[in-house]
Amino acid sequence: MSLLNVIVCLFVGIACSLLGIGGGELFGPVMLTMKIIPQVSSGTTSLMSLISSINNIIHHIVIEDLPYLSGLILFGVGMSAGVIGRVGALKITKIFGRPSILIFILATILFTSSIIMVVEMTSEEASFSFDPVCVK
């Protein structure tokens, strides 16, 4: 592993923490460029998303922004969706016999979500103020 890979991973980790995302969206392509096989990349990003989701749910329960029961329900739904997605990815890889299908699925999801984000940002009146977030 080169120093460049370490620096890229550091900045991706910082960006994920600041933006509050699981990291799979950013670390998946980084791991693929580091020649990590798609199955390992997919499993690692799934675990990262699970840990980030658990952290966010616990955080919102602790600050009483999310009722305890709702947090448990969200955790259960998220865990179920994650397991279904992971098992589905393994089955797709086994059916087609090509791990590269996971790369195409990742690229499609990233491209689609980028387009949706741009459409959402341009269609609504965007406010880049932190006032509603910081003031209760």
C-alpha atoms as a PDB file:
ATOM      1  CA  MET A   1       0.000   0.000   0.000  1.00  0.00           C
ATOM      2  CA  SER A   2       1.397   3.351  -0.976  1.00  0.00           C
ATOM      3  CA  LEU A   3       1.438   6.575   0.991  1.00  0.00           C
ATOM      4  CA  LEU A   4      -1.020   8.042  -1.536  1.00  0.00           C
ATOM      5  CA  ASN A   5      -3.559   5.329  -0.678  1.00  0.00           C
ATOM      6  CA  VAL A   6      -3.201   6.083   3.025  1.00  0.00           C
ATOM      7  CA  ILE A   7      -3.697   9.814   2.434  1.00  0.00           C
ATOM      8  CA  VAL A   8      -6.749   9.225   0.213  1.00  0.00           C
ATOM      9  CA  CYS A   9      -8.276   6.912   2.833  1.00  0.00           C
ATOM     10  CA  LEU A  10      -7.629   9.497   5.554  1.00  0.00           C
ATOM     11  CA  PHE A  11      -9.452  12.226   3.641  1.00  0.00           C
ATOM     12  CA  VAL A  12     -12.288   9.897   2.661  1.00  0.00           C
ATOM     13  CA  GLY A  13     -12.713   8.951   6.331  1.00  0.00           C
ATOM     14  CA  ILE A  14     -12.773  12.607   7.369  1.00  0.00           C
ATOM     15  CA  ALA A  15     -15.313  13.423   4.633  1.00  0.00           C
ATOM     16  CA  CYS A  16     -17.521  10.509   5.686  1.00  0.00           C
ATOM     17  CA  SER A  17     -17.442  11.621   9.313  1.00  0.00           C
ATOM     18  CA  LEU A  18     -18.202  15.248   8.465  1.00  0.00           C
ATOM     19  CA  LEU A  19     -21.022  14.351   6.083  1.00  0.00           C
ATOM     20  CA  GLY A  20     -22.497  11.651   8.299  1.00  0.00           C
ATOM     21  CA  ILE A  21     -22.449   8.913   5.683  1.00  0.00           C
ATOM     22  CA  GLY A  22     -21.507   5.280   6.105  1.00  0.00           C
ATOM     23  CA  GLY A  23     -18.452   5.496   3.921  1.00  0.00           C
ATOM     24  CA  GLY A  24     -19.266   2.659   1.569  1.00  0.00           C
ATOM     25  CA  GLU A  25     -20.092   5.064  -1.215  1.00  0.00           C
ATOM     26  CA  LEU A  26     -16.605   6.510  -1.046  1.00  0.00           C
ATOM     27  CA  PHE A  27     -14.470   3.656   0.218  1.00  0.00           C
ATOM     28  CA  GLY A  28     -15.886   1.114  -2.256  1.00  0.00           C
ATOM     29  CA  PRO A  29     -14.274   2.738  -5.308  1.00  0.00           C
ATOM     30  CA  VAL A  30     -11.095   3.507  -3.335  1.00  0.00           C
ATOM     31  CA  MET A  31     -10.712  -0.155  -2.362  1.00  0.00           C
ATOM     32  CA  LEU A  32     -11.334  -1.254  -5.942  1.00  0.00           C
ATOM     33  CA  THR A  33      -8.563   1.046  -7.182  1.00  0.00           C
ATOM     34  CA  MET A  34      -6.302  -0.550  -4.570  1.00  0.00           C
ATOM     35  CA  LYS A  35      -6.908  -3.911  -6.332  1.00  0.00           C
ATOM     36  CA  ILE A  36      -9.021  -5.338  -3.505  1.00  0.00           C
ATOM     37  CA  ILE A  37     -11.416  -7.963  -4.869  1.00  0.00           C
ATOM     38  CA  PRO A  38     -15.054  -6.810  -5.195  1.00  0.00           C
ATOM     39  CA  GLN A  39     -16.390  -9.329  -2.663  1.00  0.00           C
ATOM     40  CA  VAL A  40     -14.046  -8.038   0.046  1.00  0.00           C
ATOM     41  CA  SER A  41     -14.785  -4.419  -0.886  1.00  0.00           C
ATOM     42  CA  SER A  42     -18.526  -5.085  -0.746  1.00  0.00           C
ATOM     43  CA  GLY A  43     -18.293  -6.856   2.619  1.00  0.00           C
ATOM     44  CA  THR A  44     -16.101  -4.150   4.117  1.00  0.00           C
ATOM     45  CA  THR A  45     -18.364  -1.318   2.977  1.00  0.00           C
ATOM     46  CA  SER A  46     -21.403  -3.226   4.280  1.00  0.00           C
ATOM     47  CA  LEU A  47     -19.790  -3.509   7.713  1.00  0.00           C
ATOM     48  CA  MET A  48     -18.810   0.179   7.649  1.00  0.00           C
ATOM     49  CA  SER A  49     -22.393   1.157   6.855  1.00  0.00           C
ATOM     50  CA  LEU A  50     -23.703  -1.082   9.643  1.00  0.00           C
ATOM     51  CA  ILE A  51     -21.377   0.461  12.222  1.00  0.00           C
ATOM     52  CA  SER A  52     -22.212   3.988  11.064  1.00  0.00           C
ATOM     53  CA  SER A  53     -25.946   3.276  11.153  1.00  0.00           C
ATOM     54  CA  ILE A  54     -25.785   1.823  14.659  1.00  0.00           C
ATOM     55  CA  ASN A  55     -23.760   4.833  15.783  1.00  0.00           C
ATOM     56  CA  ASN A  56     -26.284   7.291  14.315  1.00  0.00           C
ATOM     57  CA  ILE A  57     -29.295   5.516  15.821  1.00  0.00           C
ATOM     58  CA  ILE A  58     -27.675   5.371  19.282  1.00  0.00           C
ATOM     59  CA  HIS A  59     -26.682   9.036  18.991  1.00  0.00           C
ATOM     60  CA  HIS A  60     -30.240  10.157  18.197  1.00  0.00           C
ATOM     61  CA  ILE A  61     -31.696   7.982  20.964  1.00  0.00           C
ATOM     62  CA  VAL A  62     -29.239   9.390  23.534  1.00  0.00           C
ATOM     63  CA  ILE A  63     -30.005  13.019  22.664  1.00  0.00           C
ATOM     64  CA  GLU A  64     -33.713  12.099  22.782  1.00  0.00           C
ATOM     65  CA  ASP A  65     -34.231  13.095  19.163  1.00  0.00           C
ATOM     66  CA  LEU A  66     -35.532   9.606  18.353  1.00  0.00           C
ATOM     67  CA  PRO A  67     -37.833   7.536  20.575  1.00  0.00           C
ATOM     68  CA  TYR A  68     -36.298   4.286  21.808  1.00  0.00           C
ATOM     69  CA  LEU A  69     -38.904   2.046  20.121  1.00  0.00           C
ATOM     70  CA  SER A  70     -38.550   3.859  16.798  1.00  0.00           C
ATOM     71  CA  GLY A  71     -34.785   3.435  17.015  1.00  0.00           C
ATOM     72  CA  LEU A  72     -35.145  -0.301  17.537  1.00  0.00           C
ATOM     73  CA  ILE A  73     -37.568  -0.563  14.623  1.00  0.00           C
ATOM     74  CA  LEU A  74     -35.240   1.421  12.361  1.00  0.00           C
ATOM     75  CA  PHE A  75     -32.322  -0.742  13.443  1.00  0.00           C
ATOM     76  CA  GLY A  76     -34.268  -3.914  12.646  1.00  0.00           C
ATOM     77  CA  VAL A  77     -35.376  -2.661   9.247  1.00  0.00           C
ATOM     78  CA  GLY A  78     -31.878  -1.450   8.408  1.00  0.00           C
ATOM     79  CA  MET A  79     -30.260  -4.693   9.557  1.00  0.00           C
ATOM     80  CA  SER A  80     -32.741  -6.741   7.527  1.00  0.00           C
ATOM     81  CA  ALA A  81     -32.168  -4.621   4.429  1.00  0.00           C
ATOM     82  CA  GLY A  82     -28.408  -4.916   4.862  1.00  0.00           C
ATOM     83  CA  VAL A  83     -28.537  -8.699   5.190  1.00  0.00           C
ATOM     84  CA  ILE A  84     -30.835  -8.987   2.164  1.00  0.00           C
ATOM     85  CA  GLY A  85     -28.528  -6.740   0.144  1.00  0.00           C
ATOM     86  CA  ARG A  86     -25.400  -8.635   1.162  1.00  0.00           C
ATOM     87  CA  VAL A  87     -26.905 -12.058   0.478  1.00  0.00           C
ATOM     88  CA  GLY A  88     -28.265 -10.730  -2.811  1.00  0.00           C
ATOM     89  CA  ALA A  89     -24.813  -9.484  -3.827  1.00  0.00           C
ATOM     90  CA  LEU A  90     -23.291 -12.872  -3.071  1.00  0.00           C
ATOM     91  CA  LYS A  91     -26.000 -14.665  -5.061  1.00  0.00           C
ATOM     92  CA  ILE A  92     -25.577 -12.325  -8.023  1.00  0.00           C
ATOM     93  CA  THR A  93     -21.834 -12.956  -7.985  1.00  0.00           C
ATOM     94  CA  LYS A  94     -22.400 -16.711  -7.808  1.00  0.00           C
ATOM     95  CA  ILE A  95     -25.043 -16.734 -10.591  1.00  0.00           C
ATOM     96  CA  PHE A  96     -23.011 -14.689 -13.057  1.00  0.00           C
ATOM     97  CA  GLY A  97     -19.640 -15.998 -11.916  1.00  0.00           C
ATOM     98  CA  ARG A  98     -18.132 -12.542 -12.290  1.00  0.00           C
ATOM     99  CA  PRO A  99     -17.339 -10.367  -9.263  1.00  0.00           C
ATOM    100  CA  SER A 100     -17.184  -7.373 -11.611  1.00  0.00           C
ATOM    101  CA  ILE A 101     -20.994  -7.260 -11.586  1.00  0.00           C
ATOM    102  CA  LEU A 102     -20.721  -5.720  -8.092  1.00  0.00           C
ATOM    103  CA  ILE A 103     -18.565  -2.947  -9.531  1.00  0.00           C
ATOM    104  CA  PHE A 104     -21.202  -2.175 -12.157  1.00  0.00           C
ATOM    105  CA  ILE A 105     -23.963  -2.181  -9.532  1.00  0.00           C
ATOM    106  CA  LEU A 106     -21.920   0.185  -7.324  1.00  0.00           C
ATOM    107  CA  ALA A 107     -21.216   2.498 -10.265  1.00  0.00           C
ATOM    108  CA  THR A 108     -24.897   2.530 -11.269  1.00  0.00           C
ATOM    109  CA  ILE A 109     -26.039   3.364  -7.740  1.00  0.00           C
ATOM    110  CA  LEU A 110     -23.435   6.129  -7.354  1.00  0.00           C
ATOM    111  CA  PHE A 111     -24.288   7.632 -10.746  1.00  0.00           C
ATOM    112  CA  THR A 112     -28.042   7.486 -10.112  1.00  0.00           C
ATOM    113  CA  SER A 113     -27.762   8.981  -6.620  1.00  0.00           C
ATOM    114  CA  SER A 114     -25.551  11.785  -7.951  1.00  0.00           C
ATOM    115  CA  ILE A 115     -28.136  12.697 -10.571  1.00  0.00           C
ATOM    116  CA  ILE A 116     -30.968  12.572  -8.027  1.00  0.00           C
ATOM    117  CA  MET A 117     -28.967  14.775  -5.638  1.00  0.00           C
ATOM    118  CA  VAL A 118     -28.313  17.379  -8.350  1.00  0.00           C
ATOM    119  CA  VAL A 119     -31.997  17.376  -9.366  1.00  0.00           C
ATOM    120  CA  GLU A 120     -33.099  17.766  -5.732  1.00  0.00           C
ATOM    121  CA  MET A 121     -30.630  20.585  -5.094  1.00  0.00           C
ATOM    122  CA  THR A 122     -31.681  22.522  -8.190  1.00  0.00           C
ATOM    123  CA  SER A 123     -35.424  21.953  -7.900  1.00  0.00           C
ATOM    124  CA  GLU A 124     -35.876  23.248  -4.363  1.00  0.00           C
ATOM    125  CA  GLU A 125     -34.971  26.527  -2.789  1.00  0.00           C
ATOM    126  CA  ALA A 126     -31.613  25.599  -1.343  1.00  0.00           C
ATOM    127  CA  SER A 127     -30.598  27.066   1.981  1.00  0.00           C
ATOM    128  CA  PHE A 128     -27.003  26.595   2.991  1.00  0.00           C
ATOM    129  CA  SER A 129     -27.478  28.140   6.409  1.00  0.00           C
ATOM    130  CA  PHE A 130     -26.763  26.138   9.553  1.00  0.00           C
ATOM    131  CA  ASP A 131     -29.310  28.068  11.631  1.00  0.00           C
ATOM    132  CA  PRO A 132     -32.129  25.477  11.490  1.00  0.00           C
ATOM    133  CA  VAL A 133     -29.696  22.702  12.382  1.00  0.00           C
ATOM    134  CA  CYS A 134     -27.879  24.401  15.247  1.00  0.00           C
ATOM    135  CA  VAL A 135     -30.793  26.215  16.873  1.00  0.00           C
ATOM    136  CA  LYS A 136     -33.606  24.235  18.426  1.00  0.00           C
END
